[in-house]
Amino acid sequence: MGRFLMRTQKAVYNFHVPLPQHLYEALRKEAQRSRESATRIAREGIEMLLKERRRRQIADEIRAFAEELAGTRFDLDPDLEEAAVERLLDERG
């Protein structure tokens, strides 16, 4: 049974991250407050940061692609583009 469990578990690696004192203390306080391990909180924070960076990277790639094709036959339909711009401006307030 032990062998079966070893095959189904994902590999976990340790990564040493030196922290400035203020960040270390804030992490410890949050761990105590939330009754979660500091490791779990740090892992969740890293996951969130990496997801956000990936989202921004994709948005930048889409923007570059759109700028490259602007004015070509692959550009958006003018009416559709105007509607999209209006919606973005409305969302930004």
C-alpha atoms as a PDB file:
ATOM      1  CA  MET A   1       0.000   0.000   0.000  1.00  0.00           C
ATOM      2  CA  GLY A   2       2.877   2.370   0.756  1.00  0.00           C
ATOM      3  CA  ARG A   3       4.170   2.050  -2.779  1.00  0.00           C
ATOM      4  CA  PHE A   4       0.765   2.953  -4.186  1.00  0.00           C
ATOM      5  CA  LEU A   5       0.618   6.110  -2.084  1.00  0.00           C
ATOM      6  CA  MET A   6       4.084   7.161  -3.182  1.00  0.00           C
ATOM      7  CA  ARG A   7       3.065   6.949  -6.834  1.00  0.00           C
ATOM      8  CA  THR A   8      -0.076   9.043  -6.410  1.00  0.00           C
ATOM      9  CA  GLN A   9       1.484  11.876  -4.415  1.00  0.00           C
ATOM     10  CA  LYS A  10       2.896  14.859  -6.253  1.00  0.00           C
ATOM     11  CA  ALA A  11       6.513  15.765  -5.745  1.00  0.00           C
ATOM     12  CA  VAL A  12       7.114  18.603  -3.297  1.00  0.00           C
ATOM     13  CA  TYR A  13      10.305  20.641  -3.274  1.00  0.00           C
ATOM     14  CA  ASN A  14      11.752  23.011  -0.710  1.00  0.00           C
ATOM     15  CA  PHE A  15      12.827  26.492  -1.730  1.00  0.00           C
ATOM     16  CA  HIS A  16      14.715  28.774   0.658  1.00  0.00           C
ATOM     17  CA  VAL A  17      13.489  32.385   0.495  1.00  0.00           C
ATOM     18  CA  PRO A  18      15.282  34.922   2.693  1.00  0.00           C
ATOM     19  CA  LEU A  19      12.802  37.555   3.895  1.00  0.00           C
ATOM     20  CA  PRO A  20      13.355  41.039   5.283  1.00  0.00           C
ATOM     21  CA  GLN A  21      12.347  41.267   8.937  1.00  0.00           C
ATOM     22  CA  HIS A  22       9.126  43.217   8.328  1.00  0.00           C
ATOM     23  CA  LEU A  23       7.871  40.630   5.838  1.00  0.00           C
ATOM     24  CA  TYR A  24       8.892  37.729   8.049  1.00  0.00           C
ATOM     25  CA  GLU A  25       7.064  39.228  11.036  1.00  0.00           C
ATOM     26  CA  ALA A  26       3.951  39.986   8.975  1.00  0.00           C
ATOM     27  CA  LEU A  27       3.906  36.404   7.690  1.00  0.00           C
ATOM     28  CA  ARG A  28       4.272  34.985  11.206  1.00  0.00           C
ATOM     29  CA  LYS A  29       1.498  37.240  12.549  1.00  0.00           C
ATOM     30  CA  GLU A  30      -0.833  36.214   9.735  1.00  0.00           C
ATOM     31  CA  ALA A  31      -0.024  32.548  10.351  1.00  0.00           C
ATOM     32  CA  GLN A  32      -0.891  32.926  14.022  1.00  0.00           C
ATOM     33  CA  ARG A  33      -4.018  34.947  13.310  1.00  0.00           C
ATOM     34  CA  SER A  34      -5.352  32.548  10.680  1.00  0.00           C
ATOM     35  CA  ARG A  35      -4.073  29.403  12.409  1.00  0.00           C
ATOM     36  CA  GLU A  36      -2.471  28.308   9.162  1.00  0.00           C
ATOM     37  CA  SER A  37       1.153  27.480   8.593  1.00  0.00           C
ATOM     38  CA  ALA A  38       3.411  30.228   7.313  1.00  0.00           C
ATOM     39  CA  THR A  39       4.453  27.809   4.576  1.00  0.00           C
ATOM     40  CA  ARG A  40       0.878  27.455   3.349  1.00  0.00           C
ATOM     41  CA  ILE A  41       0.334  31.216   3.356  1.00  0.00           C
ATOM     42  CA  ALA A  42       3.614  31.807   1.502  1.00  0.00           C
ATOM     43  CA  ARG A  43       2.766  29.083  -1.026  1.00  0.00           C
ATOM     44  CA  GLU A  44      -0.671  30.604  -1.687  1.00  0.00           C
ATOM     45  CA  GLY A  45       0.886  34.058  -2.089  1.00  0.00           C
ATOM     46  CA  ILE A  46       3.442  32.757  -4.572  1.00  0.00           C
ATOM     47  CA  GLU A  47       0.733  30.909  -6.525  1.00  0.00           C
ATOM     48  CA  MET A  48      -1.386  34.073  -6.698  1.00  0.00           C
ATOM     49  CA  LEU A  49       1.573  36.176  -7.840  1.00  0.00           C
ATOM     50  CA  LEU A  50       2.557  33.691 -10.543  1.00  0.00           C
ATOM     51  CA  LYS A  51      -1.035  33.440 -11.826  1.00  0.00           C
ATOM     52  CA  GLU A  52      -1.296  37.238 -11.991  1.00  0.00           C
ATOM     53  CA  ARG A  53       2.037  37.527 -13.794  1.00  0.00           C
ATOM     54  CA  ARG A  54       0.935  34.872 -16.300  1.00  0.00           C
ATOM     55  CA  ARG A  55      -2.372  36.715 -16.829  1.00  0.00           C
ATOM     56  CA  ARG A  56      -0.474  39.964 -17.487  1.00  0.00           C
ATOM     57  CA  GLN A  57       1.930  38.200 -19.842  1.00  0.00           C
ATOM     58  CA  ILE A  58      -0.958  36.818 -21.892  1.00  0.00           C
ATOM     59  CA  ALA A  59      -2.644  40.227 -21.970  1.00  0.00           C
ATOM     60  CA  ASP A  60       0.603  41.825 -23.153  1.00  0.00           C
ATOM     61  CA  GLU A  61       1.000  39.188 -25.873  1.00  0.00           C
ATOM     62  CA  ILE A  62      -2.581  39.737 -27.063  1.00  0.00           C
ATOM     63  CA  ARG A  63      -2.034  43.511 -27.061  1.00  0.00           C
ATOM     64  CA  ALA A  64       1.181  43.156 -29.089  1.00  0.00           C
ATOM     65  CA  PHE A  65      -0.553  40.815 -31.534  1.00  0.00           C
ATOM     66  CA  ALA A  66      -3.446  43.259 -31.967  1.00  0.00           C
ATOM     67  CA  GLU A  67      -1.079  46.202 -32.463  1.00  0.00           C
ATOM     68  CA  GLU A  68       0.903  44.261 -35.046  1.00  0.00           C
ATOM     69  CA  LEU A  69      -2.229  43.447 -37.053  1.00  0.00           C
ATOM     70  CA  ALA A  70      -3.874  46.860 -36.673  1.00  0.00           C
ATOM     71  CA  GLY A  71      -4.877  48.219 -40.051  1.00  0.00           C
ATOM     72  CA  THR A  72      -4.420  44.899 -41.837  1.00  0.00           C
ATOM     73  CA  ARG A  73      -7.145  42.628 -43.213  1.00  0.00           C
ATOM     74  CA  PHE A  74      -6.961  40.747 -39.896  1.00  0.00           C
ATOM     75  CA  ASP A  75      -7.921  43.819 -37.900  1.00  0.00           C
ATOM     76  CA  LEU A  76     -11.249  43.941 -36.076  1.00  0.00           C
ATOM     77  CA  ASP A  77     -14.447  45.036 -37.725  1.00  0.00           C
ATOM     78  CA  PRO A  78     -14.726  48.814 -37.059  1.00  0.00           C
ATOM     79  CA  ASP A  79     -18.180  48.518 -35.436  1.00  0.00           C
ATOM     80  CA  LEU A  80     -17.044  45.680 -33.184  1.00  0.00           C
ATOM     81  CA  GLU A  81     -13.905  47.588 -32.243  1.00  0.00           C
ATOM     82  CA  GLU A  82     -15.904  50.709 -31.365  1.00  0.00           C
ATOM     83  CA  ALA A  83     -18.261  48.677 -29.184  1.00  0.00           C
ATOM     84  CA  ALA A  84     -15.318  47.060 -27.388  1.00  0.00           C
ATOM     85  CA  VAL A  85     -13.650  50.413 -26.733  1.00  0.00           C
ATOM     86  CA  GLU A  86     -16.901  51.865 -25.363  1.00  0.00           C
ATOM     87  CA  ARG A  87     -17.309  48.903 -23.032  1.00  0.00           C
ATOM     88  CA  LEU A  88     -13.736  49.183 -21.751  1.00  0.00           C
ATOM     89  CA  LEU A  89     -14.191  52.885 -21.098  1.00  0.00           C
ATOM     90  CA  ASP A  90     -17.472  52.198 -19.260  1.00  0.00           C
ATOM     91  CA  GLU A  91     -15.776  49.538 -17.107  1.00  0.00           C
ATOM     92  CA  ARG A  92     -12.975  51.911 -16.141  1.00  0.00           C
ATOM     93  CA  GLY A  93     -15.526  54.392 -14.938  1.00  0.00           C
END
